[in-house]
Protein backbone atom coordinates (compact mmCIF):
# COMPACT_ATOMS: atom_id res chain seq x y z
CA MET A 1 -1.76 13.53 39.80
CA ASN A 2 1.31 11.27 39.90
CA LEU A 3 3.36 11.39 36.71
CA ASN A 4 4.77 7.93 37.44
CA ASP A 5 1.31 6.53 36.74
CA TYR A 6 1.90 7.43 33.09
CA GLY A 7 4.86 5.12 32.71
CA ALA A 8 8.30 4.50 34.09
CA THR A 9 10.00 7.86 33.74
CA HIS A 10 13.32 8.29 31.97
CA ALA A 11 14.73 10.95 34.29
CA GLN A 12 16.99 13.65 32.87
CA PRO A 13 18.31 16.76 34.66
CA LEU A 14 15.74 19.55 34.63
CA ALA A 15 16.62 23.03 33.48
CA ASN A 16 15.81 25.88 35.86
CA GLY A 17 12.11 26.53 36.19
CA LEU A 18 11.06 23.54 34.05
CA MET A 19 8.93 20.54 35.00
CA SER A 20 8.85 16.97 33.68
CA ALA A 21 5.86 16.00 31.55
CA ARG A 22 4.72 13.27 29.20
CA ILE A 23 2.83 13.88 25.97
CA ILE A 24 -0.44 11.95 25.92
CA ALA A 25 -2.02 13.36 22.73
CA THR A 26 -1.06 15.37 19.65
CA SER A 27 -2.97 17.22 16.94
CA HIS A 28 -1.32 19.48 14.37
CA GLN A 29 1.63 20.35 16.65
CA GLN A 30 -0.75 21.05 19.52
CA TYR A 31 -0.15 18.79 22.47
CA THR A 32 -1.79 17.50 25.62
CA ILE A 33 0.64 16.81 28.45
CA VAL A 34 0.47 15.44 31.98
CA THR A 35 2.63 16.63 34.86
CA ASP A 36 2.61 16.17 38.62
CA ALA A 37 0.68 19.45 38.68
CA GLY A 38 -2.06 18.20 36.35
CA ARG A 39 -2.99 18.10 32.67
CA TYR A 40 -2.32 21.00 30.27
CA ARG A 41 -2.55 22.01 26.66
CA ALA A 42 0.92 22.73 25.31
CA GLN A 43 2.88 24.00 22.33
CA ILE A 44 6.58 23.86 21.56
CA ALA A 45 8.84 26.85 22.18
CA GLY A 46 10.08 28.78 19.17
CA ARG A 47 13.68 27.92 20.01
CA LEU A 48 12.87 24.21 19.95
CA ALA A 49 10.93 24.56 16.69
CA ASN A 50 13.91 26.28 15.06
CA GLN A 51 16.07 23.24 15.82
CA THR A 52 13.81 20.85 13.93
CA VAL A 53 14.67 19.60 10.45
CA GLU A 54 11.93 17.06 9.76
CA ALA A 55 8.78 15.67 11.36
CA VAL A 56 10.66 13.21 13.59
CA ASP A 57 12.37 16.11 15.38
CA PHE A 58 9.03 17.26 16.84
CA PRO A 59 7.57 15.72 20.00
CA THR A 60 5.07 12.90 19.68
CA VAL A 61 2.84 10.77 21.89
CA GLY A 62 4.88 9.03 24.56
CA ASP A 63 7.68 11.59 24.59
CA TRP A 64 9.06 12.82 27.90
CA VAL A 65 9.58 16.58 27.76
CA GLN A 66 10.49 19.51 29.98
CA VAL A 67 7.89 22.24 30.11
CA ARG A 68 7.28 25.70 31.50
CA LEU A 69 3.85 25.85 33.10
CA PRO A 70 1.59 28.91 32.80
CA GLU A 71 0.43 30.85 35.83
CA ASN A 72 -3.18 30.13 34.86
CA ALA A 73 -4.03 26.41 34.50
CA ASP A 74 -6.34 27.22 31.57
CA ASP A 75 -3.48 28.74 29.56
CA THR A 76 -1.03 26.86 27.35
CA ALA A 77 2.19 25.34 28.68
CA THR A 78 5.41 25.62 26.69
CA ILE A 79 7.53 22.62 25.75
CA GLU A 80 11.11 23.82 26.09
CA ARG A 81 13.06 20.58 25.81
CA LEU A 82 12.60 17.12 24.32
CA ASN A 83 14.25 14.40 26.41
CA THR A 84 16.33 11.72 24.72
CA ARG A 85 14.07 8.95 23.46
CA GLN A 86 14.65 5.45 24.76
CA THR A 87 12.73 3.88 21.89
CA VAL A 88 11.00 5.27 18.81
CA PHE A 89 8.67 3.74 16.24
CA LEU A 90 8.44 5.45 12.87
CA ARG A 91 7.42 4.63 9.33
CA LYS A 92 7.66 6.11 5.87
CA THR A 93 4.86 8.48 5.02
CA ALA A 94 2.24 7.02 2.70
CA GLY A 95 2.83 7.48 -1.03
CA ARG A 96 6.04 8.05 -2.98
CA ARG A 97 7.75 10.44 -0.57
CA SER A 98 10.30 9.04 1.86
CA ASP A 99 9.70 11.39 4.76
CA ALA A 100 9.61 9.82 8.20
CA GLN A 101 6.39 9.80 10.22
CA LEU A 102 6.60 9.37 13.98
CA VAL A 103 4.13 6.89 15.44
CA ALA A 104 5.10 6.68 19.12
CA ALA A 105 8.08 7.15 21.44
CA ASN A 106 9.35 5.63 24.68
CA VAL A 107 7.34 2.46 24.21
CA ASP A 108 8.38 -0.60 26.21
CA TRP A 109 6.39 -3.14 24.20
CA LEU A 110 5.07 -2.95 20.64
CA LEU A 111 1.97 -5.13 20.35
CA LEU A 112 1.83 -6.14 16.69
CA CYS A 113 -1.80 -6.93 15.94
CA MET A 114 -2.91 -9.22 13.14
CA ALA A 115 -6.40 -10.61 12.66
CA LEU A 116 -7.04 -14.32 12.18
CA ASP A 117 -9.85 -13.68 9.70
CA ALA A 118 -9.49 -13.07 5.95
CA ASN A 119 -6.99 -10.28 6.75
CA PHE A 120 -4.41 -12.84 8.02
CA ASN A 121 -1.12 -12.09 6.22
CA LEU A 122 2.27 -13.46 7.25
CA ARG A 123 4.17 -11.19 4.87
CA ARG A 124 2.64 -8.13 6.52
CA LEU A 125 3.59 -9.49 9.94
CA GLU A 126 7.20 -9.89 8.79
CA ARG A 127 7.21 -6.23 7.81
CA TYR A 128 5.97 -5.17 11.26
CA LEU A 129 8.56 -7.38 12.96
CA ALA A 130 11.37 -5.77 10.94
CA VAL A 131 10.32 -2.26 11.92
CA ALA A 132 9.75 -3.28 15.54
CA ALA A 133 13.25 -4.77 15.73
CA ALA A 134 14.77 -1.37 14.89
CA SER A 135 12.63 0.62 17.33
CA GLY A 136 14.49 -0.42 20.47
CA ALA A 137 11.26 -1.71 22.03
CA ARG A 138 10.40 -5.33 22.67
CA ALA A 139 7.71 -6.83 20.45
CA ALA A 140 4.85 -9.26 21.00
CA ILE A 141 2.45 -10.62 18.40
CA VAL A 142 -1.25 -10.21 19.21
CA LEU A 143 -3.54 -12.37 17.07
CA THR A 144 -7.06 -10.94 17.13
CA LYS A 145 -10.48 -12.25 16.08
CA ALA A 146 -9.77 -15.85 17.05
CA ASP A 147 -13.51 -16.51 16.66
CA LYS A 148 -13.12 -15.94 12.91
CA ALA A 149 -10.02 -18.08 12.40
CA ALA A 150 -10.23 -20.39 9.40
CA ASP A 151 -7.82 -22.92 10.95
CA LEU A 152 -6.47 -21.65 14.26
CA ALA A 153 -3.96 -24.45 14.84
CA ALA A 154 -2.47 -24.11 11.37
CA GLN A 155 -2.32 -20.31 11.61
CA LEU A 156 -0.59 -20.47 14.99
CA ALA A 157 1.96 -22.89 13.56
CA THR A 158 2.83 -20.58 10.66
CA VAL A 159 3.11 -17.57 12.99
CA ALA A 160 5.40 -19.54 15.31
CA GLU A 161 7.75 -20.19 12.38
CA ILE A 162 8.46 -16.47 11.93
CA ALA A 163 7.94 -15.21 15.48
CA SER A 164 11.43 -16.17 16.71
CA ASP A 165 11.39 -15.49 20.48
CA GLN A 166 8.55 -12.93 20.42
CA PRO A 167 5.55 -13.83 22.61
CA VAL A 168 2.38 -14.75 20.69
CA LEU A 169 -0.96 -13.85 22.33
CA VAL A 170 -4.35 -14.98 21.01
CA CYS A 171 -7.42 -12.77 21.58
CA ASP A 172 -11.15 -13.14 21.09
CA ALA A 173 -12.99 -9.95 22.05
CA THR A 174 -16.38 -11.67 21.75
CA THR A 175 -16.00 -13.67 24.99
CA ALA A 176 -15.26 -12.66 28.57
CA ALA A 177 -12.25 -14.99 28.71
CA GLY A 178 -10.99 -14.03 25.26
CA LEU A 179 -8.52 -11.43 26.55
CA THR A 180 -7.07 -13.49 29.39
CA GLU A 181 -3.67 -13.93 27.74
CA LEU A 182 -3.38 -10.24 26.91
CA THR A 183 -4.46 -8.92 30.31
CA ALA A 184 -2.09 -11.30 32.11
CA PHE A 185 0.74 -10.09 29.89
CA MET A 186 0.28 -6.35 30.49
CA GLN A 187 1.92 -4.89 33.60
CA PRO A 188 1.48 -1.59 35.55
CA ARG A 189 3.48 1.49 34.49
CA VAL A 190 4.74 -0.30 31.38
CA THR A 191 3.98 1.42 28.06
CA TYR A 192 2.43 -0.64 25.25
CA ALA A 193 1.67 0.58 21.71
CA PHE A 194 -0.93 -1.29 19.67
CA LEU A 195 0.07 -1.40 15.99
CA GLY A 196 -1.59 -3.00 13.02
CA SER A 197 -3.46 -2.49 9.79
CA SER A 198 -6.97 -1.07 9.61
CA GLY A 199 -9.65 -3.44 10.83
CA VAL A 200 -7.53 -5.82 12.93
CA GLY A 201 -9.37 -4.78 16.09
CA LYS A 202 -6.79 -2.71 18.01
CA THR A 203 -9.30 -0.15 19.24
CA THR A 204 -11.81 -2.85 20.17
CA LEU A 205 -9.16 -4.52 22.33
CA ILE A 206 -8.33 -1.24 24.06
CA ASN A 207 -12.02 -0.54 24.70
CA HIS A 208 -12.37 -3.92 26.40
CA LEU A 209 -9.23 -3.28 28.44
CA LEU A 210 -10.61 0.11 29.49
CA GLY A 211 -13.91 -1.46 30.41
CA HIS A 212 -15.95 0.97 28.33
CA GLY A 213 -16.29 2.12 24.73
CA ALA A 214 -14.13 5.22 25.03
CA LEU A 215 -12.65 4.91 21.54
CA LEU A 216 -14.61 4.94 18.30
CA THR A 217 -14.73 1.71 16.30
CA ALA A 218 -16.20 0.77 12.93
CA ALA A 219 -17.11 -2.42 11.12
CA VAL A 220 -14.81 -3.97 8.53
CA ARG A 221 -15.82 -4.70 4.94
CA GLU A 222 -17.27 -8.20 4.77
CA HIS A 223 -15.87 -9.14 1.35
CA ASP A 224 -12.17 -8.70 2.22
CA ALA A 225 -12.06 -8.07 6.01
CA HIS A 226 -10.30 -4.73 5.53
CA GLY A 227 -11.15 -1.94 7.91
CA ARG A 228 -11.60 1.79 7.82
CA HIS A 229 -9.34 4.38 9.43
CA THR A 230 -11.38 4.74 12.62
CA THR A 231 -8.50 5.92 14.82
CA THR A 232 -7.09 9.05 13.20
CA SER A 233 -4.92 10.33 16.03
CA ARG A 234 -2.61 8.89 18.65
CA GLN A 235 -3.34 9.03 22.34
CA LEU A 236 -1.90 7.60 25.53
CA LEU A 237 -4.26 6.04 28.07
CA VAL A 238 -3.87 4.48 31.51
CA LEU A 239 -5.77 1.24 32.10
CA ALA A 240 -7.42 0.22 35.35
CA ASN A 241 -4.57 -2.23 36.07
CA GLY A 242 -2.01 0.58 35.67
CA SER A 243 -0.75 -0.39 32.21
CA VAL A 244 -0.12 2.50 29.82
CA VAL A 245 -1.34 2.04 26.24
CA ILE A 246 -0.99 4.03 23.04
CA ASP A 247 -3.63 3.61 20.36
CA THR A 248 -2.38 4.33 16.85
CA PRO A 249 -4.16 4.84 13.51
CA GLY A 250 -4.62 1.73 11.38
CA MET A 251 -2.07 1.52 8.58
CA ARG A 252 -2.94 0.62 5.02
CA GLU A 253 0.79 0.41 4.37
CA LEU A 254 3.88 0.33 6.56
CA GLY A 255 6.78 1.77 4.57
CA LEU A 256 10.23 0.84 5.84
CA LEU A 257 12.69 3.51 6.96
CA ASP A 258 14.33 2.39 10.17
CA ALA A 259 14.02 -1.39 10.07
CA ASN A 260 16.13 -4.35 11.10
CA VAL A 261 15.28 -6.88 8.44
CA ASP A 262 17.99 -9.34 9.48
CA ALA A 263 16.62 -9.46 13.04
CA ALA A 264 13.15 -10.31 11.73
CA PHE A 265 14.60 -13.03 9.48
CA ASP A 266 17.14 -14.64 11.79
CA ASP A 267 16.59 -18.01 10.10
CA VAL A 268 17.56 -16.56 6.71
CA LYS A 269 20.51 -14.75 8.29
CA ALA A 270 21.76 -18.00 9.84
CA LEU A 271 21.57 -19.76 6.48
CA ALA A 272 23.33 -16.84 4.76
CA ALA A 273 26.35 -17.34 7.01
CA ARG A 274 26.94 -20.64 5.18
CA CYS A 275 26.89 -19.13 1.68
CA ARG A 276 30.09 -19.44 -0.37
CA PHE A 277 30.33 -15.67 -0.84
CA SER A 278 30.02 -13.25 2.06
CA ASP A 279 28.19 -10.72 -0.16
CA CYS A 280 25.80 -13.30 -1.61
CA THR A 281 22.51 -11.77 -2.75
CA HIS A 282 20.77 -15.18 -2.61
CA GLN A 283 19.61 -14.92 -6.19
CA GLN A 284 22.08 -16.25 -8.80
CA GLU A 285 25.36 -16.96 -7.00
CA PRO A 286 26.74 -20.52 -6.83
CA GLY A 287 27.07 -22.03 -3.38
CA CYS A 288 24.11 -20.11 -1.96
CA ALA A 289 23.02 -21.90 1.20
CA VAL A 290 19.78 -19.90 1.35
CA ARG A 291 18.53 -21.02 -2.06
CA ALA A 292 19.69 -24.54 -1.29
CA ALA A 293 17.50 -24.50 1.81
CA VAL A 294 14.53 -23.41 -0.32
CA SER A 295 15.17 -26.26 -2.77
CA ALA A 296 15.39 -28.73 0.12
CA GLY A 297 12.10 -27.50 1.59
CA GLU A 298 13.82 -26.16 4.72
CA LEU A 299 12.93 -22.52 3.96
CA ASP A 300 9.70 -21.25 2.49
CA LYS A 301 10.19 -19.62 -0.92
CA ASP A 302 7.74 -16.82 -0.11
CA ARG A 303 9.69 -16.02 3.06
CA LEU A 304 12.91 -15.62 1.09
CA GLU A 305 11.18 -13.40 -1.46
CA SER A 306 9.76 -11.28 1.39
CA TYR A 307 13.24 -10.96 2.91
CA LEU A 308 14.79 -9.80 -0.36
CA GLN A 309 11.95 -7.36 -1.04
CA LEU A 310 12.19 -5.78 2.42
CA GLN A 311 15.99 -5.51 2.18
CA THR A 312 15.69 -3.66 -1.13
CA GLU A 313 12.88 -1.39 0.09
CA GLN A 314 14.77 -0.54 3.28
CA ALA A 315 17.94 0.40 1.39
CA GLN A 316 16.09 2.56 -1.15
CA ASN A 317 13.97 4.42 1.41
CA SER A 318 16.93 5.02 3.74
CA HIS A 319 18.88 6.56 0.88
CA LEU A 320 15.96 8.77 -0.14
CA ARG A 321 15.35 9.82 3.44
CA GLY A 322 19.00 10.82 3.83
CA LYS A 323 18.74 13.05 0.76
CA ALA A 324 15.45 14.53 1.96
CA ARG A 325 16.94 15.34 5.37
CA GLU A 326 19.98 16.96 3.73
CA ASN A 327 17.73 19.07 1.50
CA ALA A 328 15.66 20.11 4.52
CA LYS A 329 18.80 21.31 6.32
CA ILE A 330 19.86 23.31 3.27
CA GLU A 331 16.39 24.83 3.02
CA ARG A 332 16.45 25.85 6.68
CA MET A 333 19.99 27.24 6.64
CA PHE A 334 20.11 28.93 3.22
CA GLY A 335 16.57 29.01 1.84
CA GLY A 336 17.37 26.50 -0.92
CA LYS A 337 20.18 25.03 -3.03
CA LYS A 338 20.36 28.04 -5.35
CA GLN A 339 20.83 30.38 -2.41
CA MET A 340 23.46 28.06 -0.92
CA LYS A 341 25.44 27.98 -4.18
CA ALA A 342 25.20 31.76 -4.48
CA MET A 343 26.57 32.22 -0.95
CA MET A 344 29.39 29.76 -1.63
CA ASN A 345 30.34 31.57 -4.83
CA GLU A 346 30.31 34.89 -3.00
CA ALA A 347 32.56 33.46 -0.30
CA ARG A 348 35.04 32.20 -2.92
CA LYS A 349 35.20 35.64 -4.51
CA LYS A 350 36.02 37.23 -1.16
CA ARG A 351 38.89 34.78 -0.57
CA ARG A 352 40.56 35.68 -3.88
């Protein structure tokens, strides 16, 4: 087995007795890794686990790690070190909590999938573009189910307006030539992560790229084109052409934590530079070039509202995540805030 077949390696000095590996699957902090010596089950070392504060500190699919292999190939390898990530894609956990959930690491290209059927939603695509812009990876937009497009030309035009310089690929998995654009785009030893909401057809695309139905798929609901959570885990696969792909679970919601909203709305950002006030919120201030553009029909009102909503959500979730991470550190170091205060009070008494 050649580890280079699983993506362009990000080499880091190896500690004595350790071997490079890449994580290709995870399940409840149990991992599957590949090395030049073969494939192994793996778990993280206790020392590494003790250094973690939140979920994003644990390894995930796509991570490059340093491992200690067992003498018996059927035994479990030990992940001793987590190499520095080149890129990372994460989101807020579903619900009211603001914990971070890792989706994939060391991805070269994020393929943001959106269906051209009744599930077509520009505001959702803007959200994915904002998160992708903060990941460090390059992003491409993959429009699926072209056979079900209501008005393909009009939909492509609206996507082009928000895509900036991201490539836009159109796919139709029902025809032999329907994946031509996508297959021509994907290159050997480059890592791609397919991302999108449930039912957009990510797994179907990967099955066609693999040449067989290796991944489970399910039909979408006919009345609203929404899908079910067919993919429930993340895994890294190597295609016949040498491309490396990561399939991810469909997302009913994509909460913002690390996002670059300005990068996803470069047109709004350019207009904002002409506002009278540098801290303009683009809502009530006089001399707002952004609202003037909306009034003149140069900027879509819904796009501005989406920008403001994502900016607010990003700020709120980042603040909450910072507090959650601080509380996690206190819990790990002292056992809780009460115990920390008690230790601080005891230390003050000793200094008197």
